[in-house]
PDB file of N, CA and C in Angstrom:
ATOM      1  N   MET A   1      84.782 -21.810  19.513  1.00  0.00           N
ATOM      2  CA  MET A   1      85.468 -20.916  19.291  1.00  0.00           C
ATOM      3  C   MET A   1      87.099 -21.309  19.483  1.00  0.00           C
ATOM      4  N   LYS A   2      88.013 -21.028  18.037  1.00  0.00           N
ATOM      5  CA  LYS A   2      89.271 -21.488  17.888  1.00  0.00           C
ATOM      6  C   LYS A   2      89.981 -20.319  18.171  1.00  0.00           C
ATOM      7  N   ILE A   3      90.965 -20.287  18.996  1.00  0.00           N
ATOM      8  CA  ILE A   3      91.879 -18.961  18.951  1.00  0.00           C
ATOM      9  C   ILE A   3      93.187 -19.346  18.749  1.00  0.00           C
ATOM     10  N   VAL A   4      94.084 -18.633  17.624  1.00  0.00           N
ATOM     11  CA  VAL A   4      95.253 -18.855  17.086  1.00  0.00           C
ATOM     12  C   VAL A   4      96.186 -17.680  17.564  1.00  0.00           C
ATOM     13  N   THR A   5      97.331 -17.914  18.310  1.00  0.00           N
ATOM     14  CA  THR A   5      98.429 -16.813  18.652  1.00  0.00           C
ATOM     15  C   THR A   5      99.224 -16.813  17.270  1.00  0.00           C
ATOM     16  N   LYS A   6     100.058 -15.428  17.380  1.00  0.00           N
ATOM     17  CA  LYS A   6     100.840 -15.272  16.696  1.00  0.00           C
ATOM     18  C   LYS A   6     102.263 -15.937  16.706  1.00  0.00           C
ATOM     19  N   PHE A   7     102.367 -16.183  18.144  1.00  0.00           N
ATOM     20  CA  PHE A   7     103.706 -16.341  19.072  1.00  0.00           C
ATOM     21  C   PHE A   7     103.165 -17.293  20.183  1.00  0.00           C
ATOM     22  N   ASN A   8     104.405 -18.327  20.305  1.00  0.00           N
ATOM     23  CA  ASN A   8     104.484 -19.200  21.320  1.00  0.00           C
ATOM     24  C   ASN A   8     105.494 -18.847  22.301  1.00  0.00           C
ATOM     25  N   VAL A   9     105.067 -19.381  23.725  1.00  0.00           N
ATOM     26  CA  VAL A   9     106.065 -19.580  24.811  1.00  0.00           C
ATOM     27  C   VAL A   9     107.362 -19.843  24.325  1.00  0.00           C
ATOM     28  N   GLY A  10     108.643 -18.980  24.366  1.00  0.00           N
ATOM     29  CA  GLY A  10     109.822 -19.317  24.163  1.00  0.00           C
ATOM     30  C   GLY A  10     110.134 -18.602  22.452  1.00  0.00           C
ATOM     31  N   ASP A  11     109.455 -17.790  21.877  1.00  0.00           N
ATOM     32  CA  ASP A  11     109.664 -17.407  20.532  1.00  0.00           C
ATOM     33  C   ASP A  11     109.888 -15.972  20.933  1.00  0.00           C
ATOM     34  N   THR A  12     110.883 -15.373  20.120  1.00  0.00           N
ATOM     35  CA  THR A  12     111.403 -14.183  20.093  1.00  0.00           C
ATOM     36  C   THR A  12     110.616 -12.962  19.593  1.00  0.00           C
ATOM     37  N   VAL A  13     110.121 -11.930  20.344  1.00  0.00           N
ATOM     38  CA  VAL A  13     109.502 -11.163  19.908  1.00  0.00           C
ATOM     39  C   VAL A  13     109.992  -9.811  19.984  1.00  0.00           C
ATOM     40  N   TYR A  14     109.546  -8.708  19.087  1.00  0.00           N
ATOM     41  CA  TYR A  14     110.243  -7.588  18.872  1.00  0.00           C
ATOM     42  C   TYR A  14     108.668  -6.308  19.005  1.00  0.00           C
ATOM     43  N   THR A  15     109.053  -5.567  20.086  1.00  0.00           N
ATOM     44  CA  THR A  15     108.244  -4.506  20.478  1.00  0.00           C
ATOM     45  C   THR A  15     108.734  -2.992  20.809  1.00  0.00           C
ATOM     46  N   ILE A  16     107.681  -2.356  21.130  1.00  0.00           N
ATOM     47  CA  ILE A  16     108.447  -0.941  21.620  1.00  0.00           C
ATOM     48  C   ILE A  16     108.251  -0.765  23.255  1.00  0.00           C
ATOM     49  N   ASP A  17     109.510  -0.769  23.903  1.00  0.00           N
ATOM     50  CA  ASP A  17     109.155  -0.715  25.483  1.00  0.00           C
ATOM     51  C   ASP A  17     108.581   0.504  25.944  1.00  0.00           C
ATOM     52  N   LYS A  18     107.689   0.074  26.794  1.00  0.00           N
ATOM     53  CA  LYS A  18     106.415   1.233  27.220  1.00  0.00           C
ATOM     54  C   LYS A  18     106.891   2.428  27.948  1.00  0.00           C
ATOM     55  N   GLU A  19     108.126   2.059  28.653  1.00  0.00           N
ATOM     56  CA  GLU A  19     108.843   2.985  29.276  1.00  0.00           C
ATOM     57  C   GLU A  19     109.608   3.749  28.644  1.00  0.00           C
ATOM     58  N   THR A  20     110.597   3.146  27.768  1.00  0.00           N
ATOM     59  CA  THR A  20     111.817   3.991  27.229  1.00  0.00           C
ATOM     60  C   THR A  20     111.409   4.251  25.778  1.00  0.00           C
ATOM     61  N   MET A  21     110.296   3.698  25.034  1.00  0.00           N
ATOM     62  CA  MET A  21     110.132   4.130  23.824  1.00  0.00           C
ATOM     63  C   MET A  21     111.065   3.642  22.664  1.00  0.00           C
ATOM     64  N   LYS A  22     111.732   2.647  23.337  1.00  0.00           N
ATOM     65  CA  LYS A  22     112.852   1.895  22.187  1.00  0.00           C
ATOM     66  C   LYS A  22     112.584   0.684  21.812  1.00  0.00           C
ATOM     67  N   LEU A  23     112.913  -0.004  20.832  1.00  0.00           N
ATOM     68  CA  LEU A  23     112.907  -1.218  20.461  1.00  0.00           C
ATOM     69  C   LEU A  23     113.345  -2.258  21.622  1.00  0.00           C
ATOM     70  N   LYS A  24     112.569  -2.895  21.974  1.00  0.00           N
ATOM     71  CA  LYS A  24     112.667  -4.363  22.674  1.00  0.00           C
ATOM     72  C   LYS A  24     112.599  -5.461  22.367  1.00  0.00           C
ATOM     73  N   GLU A  25     113.387  -6.525  22.509  1.00  0.00           N
ATOM     74  CA  GLU A  25     113.491  -7.612  22.005  1.00  0.00           C
ATOM     75  C   GLU A  25     113.294  -8.760  23.343  1.00  0.00           C
ATOM     76  N   PHE A  26     112.312  -9.743  23.251  1.00  0.00           N
ATOM     77  CA  PHE A  26     112.385 -10.418  24.417  1.00  0.00           C
ATOM     78  C   PHE A  26     111.852 -11.823  23.802  1.00  0.00           C
ATOM     79  N   GLN A  27     111.798 -12.936  24.625  1.00  0.00           N
ATOM     80  CA  GLN A  27     111.730 -14.218  24.733  1.00  0.00           C
ATOM     81  C   GLN A  27     110.166 -14.293  25.409  1.00  0.00           C
ATOM     82  N   VAL A  28     109.159 -14.828  24.780  1.00  0.00           N
ATOM     83  CA  VAL A  28     107.884 -14.786  25.364  1.00  0.00           C
ATOM     84  C   VAL A  28     108.096 -15.846  26.626  1.00  0.00           C
ATOM     85  N   SER A  29     107.540 -15.167  27.583  1.00  0.00           N
ATOM     86  CA  SER A  29     107.357 -16.187  28.867  1.00  0.00           C
ATOM     87  C   SER A  29     105.862 -16.875  28.942  1.00  0.00           C
ATOM     88  N   TYR A  30     104.898 -15.753  28.779  1.00  0.00           N
ATOM     89  CA  TYR A  30     103.760 -16.497  28.971  1.00  0.00           C
ATOM     90  C   TYR A  30     102.892 -15.688  27.691  1.00  0.00           C
ATOM     91  N   VAL A  31     101.754 -16.657  27.476  1.00  0.00           N
ATOM     92  CA  VAL A  31     100.352 -15.777  26.489  1.00  0.00           C
ATOM     93  C   VAL A  31      99.489 -15.506  27.287  1.00  0.00           C
ATOM     94  N   SER A  32      98.688 -14.669  27.125  1.00  0.00           N
ATOM     95  CA  SER A  32      97.238 -14.272  27.768  1.00  0.00           C
ATOM     96  C   SER A  32      96.383 -14.148  26.973  1.00  0.00           C
ATOM     97  N   VAL A  33      95.304 -14.644  27.040  1.00  0.00           N
ATOM     98  CA  VAL A  33      94.025 -14.596  26.052  1.00  0.00           C
ATOM     99  C   VAL A  33      92.887 -13.976  26.826  1.00  0.00           C
ATOM    100  N   PHE A  34      92.125 -12.942  26.554  1.00  0.00           N
ATOM    101  CA  PHE A  34      90.898 -12.589  26.927  1.00  0.00           C
ATOM    102  C   PHE A  34      89.894 -12.498  26.073  1.00  0.00           C
ATOM    103  N   SER A  35      88.702 -13.073  26.021  1.00  0.00           N
ATOM    104  CA  SER A  35      87.745 -13.262  25.240  1.00  0.00           C
ATOM    105  C   SER A  35      86.317 -13.029  26.056  1.00  0.00           C
ATOM    106  N   THR A  36      85.648 -12.148  25.278  1.00  0.00           N
ATOM    107  CA  THR A  36      84.243 -11.238  25.687  1.00  0.00           C
ATOM    108  C   THR A  36      83.076 -12.312  25.185  1.00  0.00           C
ATOM    109  N   LYS A  37      81.931 -12.231  26.105  1.00  0.00           N
ATOM    110  CA  LYS A  37      80.990 -13.153  25.190  1.00  0.00           C
ATOM    111  C   LYS A  37      80.518 -12.834  23.939  1.00  0.00           C
ATOM    112  N   ASN A  38      80.656 -11.620  23.300  1.00  0.00           N
ATOM    113  CA  ASN A  38      80.648 -11.216  22.105  1.00  0.00           C
ATOM    114  C   ASN A  38      81.583 -11.652  21.143  1.00  0.00           C
ATOM    115  N   GLU A  39      82.573 -12.408  21.744  1.00  0.00           N
ATOM    116  CA  GLU A  39      83.812 -12.965  20.855  1.00  0.00           C
ATOM    117  C   GLU A  39      85.064 -11.880  20.665  1.00  0.00           C
ATOM    118  N   ASP A  40      85.103 -10.813  21.180  1.00  0.00           N
ATOM    119  CA  ASP A  40      86.098  -9.895  20.898  1.00  0.00           C
ATOM    120  C   ASP A  40      87.492 -10.617  21.863  1.00  0.00           C
ATOM    121  N   VAL A  41      88.350 -11.090  21.067  1.00  0.00           N
ATOM    122  CA  VAL A  41      89.341 -11.672  21.593  1.00  0.00           C
ATOM    123  C   VAL A  41      90.817 -10.592  21.775  1.00  0.00           C
ATOM    124  N   ARG A  42      91.394 -10.736  22.573  1.00  0.00           N
ATOM    125  CA  ARG A  42      92.592 -10.049  22.980  1.00  0.00           C
ATOM    126  C   ARG A  42      93.719 -10.729  23.584  1.00  0.00           C
ATOM    127  N   ILE A  43      94.874 -10.717  22.638  1.00  0.00           N
ATOM    128  CA  ILE A  43      96.016 -11.465  23.082  1.00  0.00           C
ATOM    129  C   ILE A  43      97.173 -10.692  23.592  1.00  0.00           C
ATOM    130  N   SER A  44      97.787 -11.329  24.500  1.00  0.00           N
ATOM    131  CA  SER A  44      99.048 -10.373  25.047  1.00  0.00           C
ATOM    132  C   SER A  44     100.222 -11.679  25.185  1.00  0.00           C
ATOM    133  N   TYR A  45     101.366 -10.688  25.243  1.00  0.00           N
ATOM    134  CA  TYR A  45     102.694 -11.887  25.429  1.00  0.00           C
ATOM    135  C   TYR A  45     103.364 -10.982  26.432  1.00  0.00           C
ATOM    136  N   GLY A  46     104.076 -11.814  27.713  1.00  0.00           N
ATOM    137  CA  GLY A  46     104.508 -11.442  28.283  1.00  0.00           C
ATOM    138  C   GLY A  46     105.940 -11.580  28.706  1.00  0.00           C
ATOM    139  N   VAL A  47     106.722 -11.196  29.252  1.00  0.00           N
ATOM    140  CA  VAL A  47     108.160 -11.217  29.489  1.00  0.00           C
ATOM    141  C   VAL A  47     108.395 -11.116  31.513  1.00  0.00           C
ATOM    142  N   LYS A  48     109.087 -11.996  31.776  1.00  0.00           N
ATOM    143  CA  LYS A  48     109.149 -11.713  33.643  1.00  0.00           C
ATOM    144  C   LYS A  48     110.597 -11.037  33.465  1.00  0.00           C
ATOM    145  N   CYS A  49     110.231  -9.766  34.210  1.00  0.00           N
ATOM    146  CA  CYS A  49     111.553  -8.986  34.167  1.00  0.00           C
ATOM    147  C   CYS A  49     112.347  -9.189  35.514  1.00  0.00           C
ATOM    148  N   ASP A  50     111.681  -9.744  36.414  1.00  0.00           N
ATOM    149  CA  ASP A  50     112.500 -10.393  37.762  1.00  0.00           C
ATOM    150  C   ASP A  50     111.225 -11.118  38.555  1.00  0.00           C
ATOM    151  N   SER A  51     111.883 -11.674  39.594  1.00  0.00           N
ATOM    152  CA  SER A  51     110.493 -12.695  40.525  1.00  0.00           C
ATOM    153  C   SER A  51     109.693 -12.100  40.652  1.00  0.00           C
ATOM    154  N   TYR A  52     109.503 -10.533  40.633  1.00  0.00           N
ATOM    155  CA  TYR A  52     108.366  -9.903  41.139  1.00  0.00           C
ATOM    156  C   TYR A  52     107.538  -9.015  40.226  1.00  0.00           C
ATOM    157  N   LYS A  53     108.067  -8.900  39.092  1.00  0.00           N
ATOM    158  CA  LYS A  53     107.768  -7.896  37.935  1.00  0.00           C
ATOM    159  C   LYS A  53     107.790  -8.633  36.603  1.00  0.00           C
ATOM    160  N   SER A  54     106.732  -8.400  35.970  1.00  0.00           N
ATOM    161  CA  SER A  54     106.399  -9.018  34.666  1.00  0.00           C
ATOM    162  C   SER A  54     105.802  -7.816  33.636  1.00  0.00           C
ATOM    163  N   GLU A  55     106.286  -8.024  32.307  1.00  0.00           N
ATOM    164  CA  GLU A  55     105.406  -6.916  31.799  1.00  0.00           C
ATOM    165  C   GLU A  55     104.820  -7.600  30.480  1.00  0.00           C
ATOM    166  N   SER A  56     103.761  -7.131  30.080  1.00  0.00           N
ATOM    167  CA  SER A  56     102.796  -7.680  28.665  1.00  0.00           C
ATOM    168  C   SER A  56     102.733  -6.890  27.559  1.00  0.00           C
ATOM    169  N   TYR A  57     102.801  -7.270  26.274  1.00  0.00           N
ATOM    170  CA  TYR A  57     102.539  -6.335  25.366  1.00  0.00           C
ATOM    171  C   TYR A  57     101.348  -6.799  24.551  1.00  0.00           C
ATOM    172  N   ASP A  58     100.457  -6.235  23.917  1.00  0.00           N
ATOM    173  CA  ASP A  58      99.414  -6.762  23.265  1.00  0.00           C
ATOM    174  C   ASP A  58      99.785  -7.258  21.780  1.00  0.00           C
ATOM    175  N   GLU A  59      99.273  -8.302  21.291  1.00  0.00           N
ATOM    176  CA  GLU A  59      99.609  -8.891  19.997  1.00  0.00           C
ATOM    177  C   GLU A  59     100.016  -7.883  18.841  1.00  0.00           C
ATOM    178  N   ARG A  60      99.164  -7.134  18.994  1.00  0.00           N
ATOM    179  CA  ARG A  60      99.038  -5.787  17.790  1.00  0.00           C
ATOM    180  C   ARG A  60     100.215  -5.181  17.573  1.00  0.00           C
ATOM    181  N   VAL A  61     101.060  -5.095  18.720  1.00  0.00           N
ATOM    182  CA  VAL A  61     102.144  -4.261  18.821  1.00  0.00           C
ATOM    183  C   VAL A  61     103.550  -5.371  18.809  1.00  0.00           C
ATOM    184  N   CYS A  62     103.414  -6.562  18.564  1.00  0.00           N
ATOM    185  CA  CYS A  62     104.552  -7.739  18.745  1.00  0.00           C
ATOM    186  C   CYS A  62     104.669  -8.174  17.822  1.00  0.00           C
ATOM    187  N   PHE A  63     105.923  -8.175  17.242  1.00  0.00           N
ATOM    188  CA  PHE A  63     106.440  -8.750  15.648  1.00  0.00           C
ATOM    189  C   PHE A  63     107.555  -9.687  15.718  1.00  0.00           C
ATOM    190  N   ALA A  64     107.338 -10.356  14.567  1.00  0.00           N
ATOM    191  CA  ALA A  64     108.453 -11.375  14.523  1.00  0.00           C
ATOM    192  C   ALA A  64     110.040 -10.895  14.218  1.00  0.00           C
ATOM    193  N   SER A  65     110.389  -9.897  13.801  1.00  0.00           N
ATOM    194  CA  SER A  65     111.634  -9.071  13.499  1.00  0.00           C
ATOM    195  C   SER A  65     111.536  -7.985  13.627  1.00  0.00           C
ATOM    196  N   LYS A  66     112.984  -7.319  13.726  1.00  0.00           N
ATOM    197  CA  LYS A  66     113.080  -5.819  14.009  1.00  0.00           C
ATOM    198  C   LYS A  66     112.508  -5.096  12.595  1.00  0.00           C
ATOM    199  N   ASP A  67     112.988  -5.773  11.542  1.00  0.00           N
ATOM    200  CA  ASP A  67     112.416  -4.933  10.310  1.00  0.00           C
ATOM    201  C   ASP A  67     110.748  -4.814  10.182  1.00  0.00           C
ATOM    202  N   ASP A  68     110.118  -5.967  10.463  1.00  0.00           N
ATOM    203  CA  ASP A  68     108.528  -6.109  10.870  1.00  0.00           C
ATOM    204  C   ASP A  68     107.936  -4.882  11.590  1.00  0.00           C
ATOM    205  N   LEU A  69     108.658  -4.763  13.004  1.00  0.00           N
ATOM    206  CA  LEU A  69     108.482  -3.537  13.745  1.00  0.00           C
ATOM    207  C   LEU A  69     108.845  -2.145  13.451  1.00  0.00           C
ATOM    208  N   LEU A  70     109.716  -2.018  12.602  1.00  0.00           N
ATOM    209  CA  LEU A  70     110.345  -0.979  12.022  1.00  0.00           C
ATOM    210  C   LEU A  70     109.264  -0.403  10.603  1.00  0.00           C
ATOM    211  N   ASP A  71     109.198  -1.322   9.963  1.00  0.00           N
ATOM    212  CA  ASP A  71     107.960  -1.287   8.993  1.00  0.00           C
ATOM    213  C   ASP A  71     106.534  -0.679   9.716  1.00  0.00           C
ATOM    214  N   TYR A  72     106.221  -1.097  10.845  1.00  0.00           N
ATOM    215  CA  TYR A  72     104.927  -0.633  11.425  1.00  0.00           C
ATOM    216  C   TYR A  72     105.025   0.564  11.819  1.00  0.00           C
ATOM    217  N   VAL A  73     106.394   0.914  12.869  1.00  0.00           N
ATOM    218  CA  VAL A  73     106.227   2.227  13.422  1.00  0.00           C
ATOM    219  C   VAL A  73     106.489   3.335  12.266  1.00  0.00           C
ATOM    220  N   THR A  74     106.712   3.167  10.907  1.00  0.00           N
ATOM    221  CA  THR A  74     106.969   4.193  10.010  1.00  0.00           C
ATOM    222  C   THR A  74     106.048   4.382   9.223  1.00  0.00           C
ATOM    223  N   GLN A  75     104.870   3.409   9.262  1.00  0.00           N
ATOM    224  CA  GLN A  75     103.756   3.682   8.417  1.00  0.00           C
ATOM    225  C   GLN A  75     102.918   4.647   8.914  1.00  0.00           C
ATOM    226  N   PRO A  76     102.326   5.448   7.834  1.00  0.00           N
ATOM    227  CA  PRO A  76     101.125   6.810   8.304  1.00  0.00           C
ATOM    228  C   PRO A  76     100.099   5.525   9.014  1.00  0.00           C
ATOM    229  N   ARG A  77      99.549   6.315  10.023  1.00  0.00           N
ATOM    230  CA  ARG A  77      98.073   5.794  10.928  1.00  0.00           C
ATOM    231  C   ARG A  77      96.977   6.741  10.739  1.00  0.00           C
ATOM    232  N   ASP A  78      95.872   6.240  10.741  1.00  0.00           N
ATOM    233  CA  ASP A  78      94.835   7.070  11.142  1.00  0.00           C
ATOM    234  C   ASP A  78      94.842   7.518  12.580  1.00  0.00           C
ATOM    235  N   LEU A  79      93.749   8.460  12.911  1.00  0.00           N
ATOM    236  CA  LEU A  79      93.887   8.718  14.407  1.00  0.00           C
ATOM    237  C   LEU A  79      93.372   7.652  15.464  1.00  0.00           C
ATOM    238  N   THR A  80      92.841   6.766  14.938  1.00  0.00           N
ATOM    239  CA  THR A  80      92.024   5.801  15.786  1.00  0.00           C
ATOM    240  C   THR A  80      93.633   4.912  16.231  1.00  0.00           C
ATOM    241  N   GLN A  81      94.369   4.577  15.294  1.00  0.00           N
ATOM    242  CA  GLN A  81      95.402   3.635  15.549  1.00  0.00           C
ATOM    243  C   GLN A  81      96.365   4.343  16.530  1.00  0.00           C
ATOM    244  N   GLN A  82      96.713   5.933  16.295  1.00  0.00           N
ATOM    245  CA  GLN A  82      97.481   6.556  17.435  1.00  0.00           C
ATOM    246  C   GLN A  82      96.863   6.621  18.491  1.00  0.00           C
ATOM    247  N   ARG A  83      95.415   6.892  18.685  1.00  0.00           N
ATOM    248  CA  ARG A  83      94.847   6.795  20.343  1.00  0.00           C
ATOM    249  C   ARG A  83      95.255   5.307  20.570  1.00  0.00           C
ATOM    250  N   TYR A  84      95.272   4.126  19.831  1.00  0.00           N
ATOM    251  CA  TYR A  84      95.400   2.918  20.677  1.00  0.00           C
ATOM    252  C   TYR A  84      96.764   2.629  20.990  1.00  0.00           C
ATOM    253  N   MET A  85      97.698   2.966  20.111  1.00  0.00           N
ATOM    254  CA  MET A  85      99.134   3.026  20.399  1.00  0.00           C
ATOM    255  C   MET A  85      99.615   3.762  22.291  1.00  0.00           C
ATOM    256  N   ALA A  86      98.937   5.105  21.775  1.00  0.00           N
ATOM    257  CA  ALA A  86      99.220   6.012  22.992  1.00  0.00           C
ATOM    258  C   ALA A  86      98.533   5.087  24.278  1.00  0.00           C
ATOM    259  N   GLN A  87      97.333   4.583  24.281  1.00  0.00           N
ATOM    260  CA  GLN A  87      96.535   4.117  25.321  1.00  0.00           C
ATOM    261  C   GLN A  87      97.315   3.050  25.831  1.00  0.00           C
ATOM    262  N   GLN A  88      97.921   1.886  24.779  1.00  0.00           N
ATOM    263  CA  GLN A  88      98.893   0.855  24.910  1.00  0.00           C
ATOM    264  C   GLN A  88     100.016   1.231  25.772  1.00  0.00           C
ATOM    265  N   ASN A  89     100.825   2.409  25.719  1.00  0.00           N
ATOM    266  CA  ASN A  89     101.976   2.905  26.172  1.00  0.00           C
ATOM    267  C   ASN A  89     101.542   3.401  27.576  1.00  0.00           C
ATOM    268  N   LYS A  90     100.206   3.551  28.198  1.00  0.00           N
ATOM    269  CA  LYS A  90      99.972   4.080  29.483  1.00  0.00           C
ATOM    270  C   LYS A  90      99.750   2.716  30.444  1.00  0.00           C
ATOM    271  N   VAL A  91      99.670   1.724  29.770  1.00  0.00           N
ATOM    272  CA  VAL A  91      99.352   0.215  30.612  1.00  0.00           C
ATOM    273  C   VAL A  91     100.397  -0.169  31.457  1.00  0.00           C
TER     274      VAL A  91
END
C-alpha cells in the first residue's frame, strides 16, 4: 500500500478552527496516518499550540489556500458531509 499525503511537515495549511469556527492558518508540525485492515486510510495534520497541547485536523478539511477553503465552505453539501463536518468539530 502506498500512502500519499496532500501536505508535508512545514507546509502552510488553512482550515476552520474547531473552537472558534473561524479560518485558521497553521504550519504543519506533524502528519498522522491511520490505516485499517480493509485499507481505509485516515490522514490528519497537526500543529503544536504549546509544549503541552497540540491540535490535529482531518485531511479532508485542510486546504492549500484561503480561497480553496472558502470555496469548500460555500459549496452546497449533502447531509452525510454535514454530519461528518459536525463530528470533526466535536473531536
